Amino acid sequence: MVKSVKKKTKVEVKEGTVKKKTVKPASNKEIFLEEVPSSSYIVIDYPNEAEVINGPHYALRIGASNDEYAEISFNDGEWLPCRFGSGYWWFDWTGFDQGHHSLSARLVNYHGDIIAESDKRKCKVC
């Protein structure tokens, strides 16, 4: 009698690429089969680069692929969760200081792994 051994495939996401690996159960050795670009993305839509913000409230809009959830960071500070609505991620920014600010967004899966990060966006609050 001949036994059939099934191979398990797992997907790993790191820095904009998806690596598919085949695991051979008998030896537990991993072999890279192919590398394909990841379709995951995140971008800060608003504020625009160098936008001047006036007023006590600003709703940041973030566009992202539907891969879990988005977070925002101001001036390389802590990461804060965004809310989803109408096809975009949003963050209601209040209580901000006047001056120049740098914003970053990231896409995170439910295991806490970073899937994608946006370019930094700079703005000025008056």
C-alpha atoms as a PDB file:
ATOM      1  CA  MET A   1       0.000   0.000   0.000  1.00  0.00           C
ATOM      2  CA  VAL A   2       1.321   3.467  -0.951  1.00  0.00           C
ATOM      3  CA  LYS A   3       0.604   6.398   1.350  1.00  0.00           C
ATOM      4  CA  SER A   4      -0.189   9.783  -0.131  1.00  0.00           C
ATOM      5  CA  VAL A   5       1.450  12.754   1.602  1.00  0.00           C
ATOM      6  CA  LYS A   6      -0.355  16.063   1.236  1.00  0.00           C
ATOM      7  CA  LYS A   7       1.640  19.268   1.189  1.00  0.00           C
ATOM      8  CA  LYS A   8       0.387  22.243   3.161  1.00  0.00           C
ATOM      9  CA  THR A   9       0.747  25.730   1.735  1.00  0.00           C
ATOM     10  CA  LYS A  10       0.954  28.810   3.898  1.00  0.00           C
ATOM     11  CA  VAL A  11       1.177  32.474   2.947  1.00  0.00           C
ATOM     12  CA  GLU A  12       3.460  34.953   4.666  1.00  0.00           C
ATOM     13  CA  VAL A  13       3.245  38.740   4.134  1.00  0.00           C
ATOM     14  CA  LYS A  14       6.306  40.921   4.613  1.00  0.00           C
ATOM     15  CA  GLU A  15       7.192  44.351   3.236  1.00  0.00           C
ATOM     16  CA  GLY A  16       4.873  44.471   0.233  1.00  0.00           C
ATOM     17  CA  THR A  17       5.326  40.908  -1.055  1.00  0.00           C
ATOM     18  CA  VAL A  18       3.527  37.675  -0.489  1.00  0.00           C
ATOM     19  CA  LYS A  19       5.715  34.602  -0.196  1.00  0.00           C
ATOM     20  CA  LYS A  20       4.065  31.258  -0.746  1.00  0.00           C
ATOM     21  CA  LYS A  21       5.820  28.384   0.963  1.00  0.00           C
ATOM     22  CA  THR A  22       5.282  24.669   0.702  1.00  0.00           C
ATOM     23  CA  VAL A  23       5.872  22.662   3.843  1.00  0.00           C
ATOM     24  CA  LYS A  24       6.737  18.989   3.491  1.00  0.00           C
ATOM     25  CA  PRO A  25       5.224  17.318   6.570  1.00  0.00           C
ATOM     26  CA  ALA A  26       7.751  14.448   6.663  1.00  0.00           C
ATOM     27  CA  SER A  27      10.846  16.677   6.872  1.00  0.00           C
ATOM     28  CA  ASN A  28       9.367  20.033   7.972  1.00  0.00           C
ATOM     29  CA  LYS A  29      11.594  21.797   5.411  1.00  0.00           C
ATOM     30  CA  GLU A  30      10.190  24.921   3.819  1.00  0.00           C
ATOM     31  CA  ILE A  31      10.716  25.622   0.118  1.00  0.00           C
ATOM     32  CA  PHE A  32       9.972  28.989  -1.487  1.00  0.00           C
ATOM     33  CA  LEU A  33       7.789  28.435  -4.517  1.00  0.00           C
ATOM     34  CA  GLU A  34       7.159  31.947  -5.749  1.00  0.00           C
ATOM     35  CA  GLU A  35       7.099  35.583  -4.749  1.00  0.00           C
ATOM     36  CA  VAL A  36       4.225  37.764  -5.924  1.00  0.00           C
ATOM     37  CA  PRO A  37       3.452  41.425  -5.223  1.00  0.00           C
ATOM     38  CA  SER A  38       1.028  42.063  -2.394  1.00  0.00           C
ATOM     39  CA  SER A  39      -2.229  43.804  -3.237  1.00  0.00           C
ATOM     40  CA  SER A  40      -2.388  45.371   0.235  1.00  0.00           C
ATOM     41  CA  TYR A  41      -2.091  49.146   0.363  1.00  0.00           C
ATOM     42  CA  ILE A  42      -2.772  52.118   2.618  1.00  0.00           C
ATOM     43  CA  VAL A  43      -2.645  55.824   1.789  1.00  0.00           C
ATOM     44  CA  ILE A  44      -3.590  59.021   3.633  1.00  0.00           C
ATOM     45  CA  ASP A  45      -6.127  60.764   1.385  1.00  0.00           C
ATOM     46  CA  TYR A  46      -6.744  63.822   3.578  1.00  0.00           C
ATOM     47  CA  PRO A  47      -5.116  66.039   4.682  1.00  0.00           C
ATOM     48  CA  ASN A  48      -3.208  66.693   1.469  1.00  0.00           C
ATOM     49  CA  GLU A  49       0.558  67.176   1.599  1.00  0.00           C
ATOM     50  CA  ALA A  50       1.385  70.600   3.141  1.00  0.00           C
ATOM     51  CA  GLU A  51      -2.304  71.356   3.772  1.00  0.00           C
ATOM     52  CA  VAL A  52      -3.018  74.087   6.325  1.00  0.00           C
ATOM     53  CA  ILE A  53      -5.664  73.019   8.849  1.00  0.00           C
ATOM     54  CA  ASN A  54      -7.823  75.530  10.704  1.00  0.00           C
ATOM     55  CA  GLY A  55     -10.379  74.797  13.388  1.00  0.00           C
ATOM     56  CA  PRO A  56     -10.704  72.505  16.402  1.00  0.00           C
ATOM     57  CA  HIS A  57     -11.563  69.305  14.459  1.00  0.00           C
ATOM     58  CA  TYR A  58     -10.312  67.523  11.347  1.00  0.00           C
ATOM     59  CA  ALA A  59     -11.520  64.179   9.948  1.00  0.00           C
ATOM     60  CA  LEU A  60      -8.571  62.338   8.397  1.00  0.00           C
ATOM     61  CA  ARG A  61      -9.505  60.003   5.528  1.00  0.00           C
ATOM     62  CA  ILE A  62      -7.425  56.920   4.783  1.00  0.00           C
ATOM     63  CA  GLY A  63      -7.796  54.674   1.753  1.00  0.00           C
ATOM     64  CA  ALA A  64      -6.788  51.046   2.204  1.00  0.00           C
ATOM     65  CA  SER A  65      -7.314  47.542   0.931  1.00  0.00           C
ATOM     66  CA  ASN A  66      -9.767  45.463   2.933  1.00  0.00           C
ATOM     67  CA  ASP A  67      -7.104  43.612   4.897  1.00  0.00           C
ATOM     68  CA  GLU A  68      -8.062  43.982   8.567  1.00  0.00           C
ATOM     69  CA  TYR A  69      -7.793  47.476  10.137  1.00  0.00           C
ATOM     70  CA  ALA A  70      -6.003  50.852   9.953  1.00  0.00           C
ATOM     71  CA  GLU A  71      -4.100  52.857  12.550  1.00  0.00           C
ATOM     72  CA  ILE A  72      -2.712  56.403  12.494  1.00  0.00           C
ATOM     73  CA  SER A  73       0.327  57.955  14.175  1.00  0.00           C
ATOM     74  CA  PHE A  74       1.058  61.647  14.693  1.00  0.00           C
ATOM     75  CA  ASN A  75       4.686  62.832  14.801  1.00  0.00           C
ATOM     76  CA  ASP A  76       5.988  59.234  15.195  1.00  0.00           C
ATOM     77  CA  GLY A  77       3.925  58.806  18.372  1.00  0.00           C
ATOM     78  CA  GLU A  78       1.680  55.959  19.483  1.00  0.00           C
ATOM     79  CA  TRP A  79      -0.529  54.165  16.954  1.00  0.00           C
ATOM     80  CA  LEU A  80      -4.238  54.959  17.308  1.00  0.00           C
ATOM     81  CA  PRO A  81      -7.122  52.919  15.852  1.00  0.00           C
ATOM     82  CA  CYS A  82      -9.228  54.343  13.018  1.00  0.00           C
ATOM     83  CA  ARG A  83     -12.919  53.734  12.363  1.00  0.00           C
ATOM     84  CA  PHE A  84     -14.354  52.332   9.127  1.00  0.00           C
ATOM     85  CA  GLY A  85     -17.225  53.982   7.261  1.00  0.00           C
ATOM     86  CA  SER A  86     -18.371  54.574   3.664  1.00  0.00           C
ATOM     87  CA  GLY A  87     -15.485  52.570   2.209  1.00  0.00           C
ATOM     88  CA  TYR A  88     -12.719  54.515   4.007  1.00  0.00           C
ATOM     89  CA  TRP A  89     -10.918  54.552   7.339  1.00  0.00           C
ATOM     90  CA  TRP A  90     -11.395  57.745   9.384  1.00  0.00           C
ATOM     91  CA  PHE A  91      -9.788  59.370  12.385  1.00  0.00           C
ATOM     92  CA  ASP A  92     -11.391  62.350  14.143  1.00  0.00           C
ATOM     93  CA  TRP A  93      -8.418  64.532  15.050  1.00  0.00           C
ATOM     94  CA  THR A  94      -9.137  66.964  17.880  1.00  0.00           C
ATOM     95  CA  GLY A  95      -7.063  68.686  20.545  1.00  0.00           C
ATOM     96  CA  PHE A  96      -4.073  69.067  18.250  1.00  0.00           C
ATOM     97  CA  ASP A  97      -1.295  71.593  18.794  1.00  0.00           C
ATOM     98  CA  GLN A  98      -0.555  74.390  16.370  1.00  0.00           C
ATOM     99  CA  GLY A  99       2.485  73.917  14.164  1.00  0.00           C
ATOM    100  CA  HIS A 100       3.849  71.345  11.754  1.00  0.00           C
ATOM    101  CA  HIS A 101       2.791  67.697  12.022  1.00  0.00           C
ATOM    102  CA  SER A 102       3.825  64.453  10.347  1.00  0.00           C
ATOM    103  CA  LEU A 103       1.200  61.712   9.892  1.00  0.00           C
ATOM    104  CA  SER A 104       1.662  58.008   9.130  1.00  0.00           C
ATOM    105  CA  ALA A 105      -0.902  55.263   8.639  1.00  0.00           C
ATOM    106  CA  ARG A 106      -0.517  51.501   8.702  1.00  0.00           C
ATOM    107  CA  LEU A 107      -2.621  48.462   7.900  1.00  0.00           C
ATOM    108  CA  VAL A 108      -2.542  45.779  10.604  1.00  0.00           C
ATOM    109  CA  ASN A 109      -4.014  42.281  10.711  1.00  0.00           C
ATOM    110  CA  TYR A 110      -5.812  40.852  13.734  1.00  0.00           C
ATOM    111  CA  HIS A 111      -2.613  39.093  14.862  1.00  0.00           C
ATOM    112  CA  GLY A 112      -0.899  42.490  15.176  1.00  0.00           C
ATOM    113  CA  ASP A 113       1.309  42.041  12.094  1.00  0.00           C
ATOM    114  CA  ILE A 114       1.903  45.153   9.982  1.00  0.00           C
ATOM    115  CA  ILE A 115       0.711  44.510   6.425  1.00  0.00           C
ATOM    116  CA  ALA A 116       1.447  47.911   4.836  1.00  0.00           C
ATOM    117  CA  GLU A 117       2.530  51.430   5.817  1.00  0.00           C
ATOM    118  CA  SER A 118       1.751  54.725   4.122  1.00  0.00           C
ATOM    119  CA  ASP A 119       4.209  57.398   3.123  1.00  0.00           C
ATOM    120  CA  LYS A 120       4.454  60.172   5.697  1.00  0.00           C
ATOM    121  CA  ARG A 121       2.137  63.102   5.167  1.00  0.00           C
ATOM    122  CA  LYS A 122       3.026  66.572   6.456  1.00  0.00           C
ATOM    123  CA  CYS A 123       0.548  69.309   7.330  1.00  0.00           C
ATOM    124  CA  LYS A 124       0.381  72.524   9.307  1.00  0.00           C
ATOM    125  CA  VAL A 125      -2.169  73.453  11.951  1.00  0.00           C
ATOM    126  CA  CYS A 126      -2.948  77.153  12.494  1.00  0.00           C
END
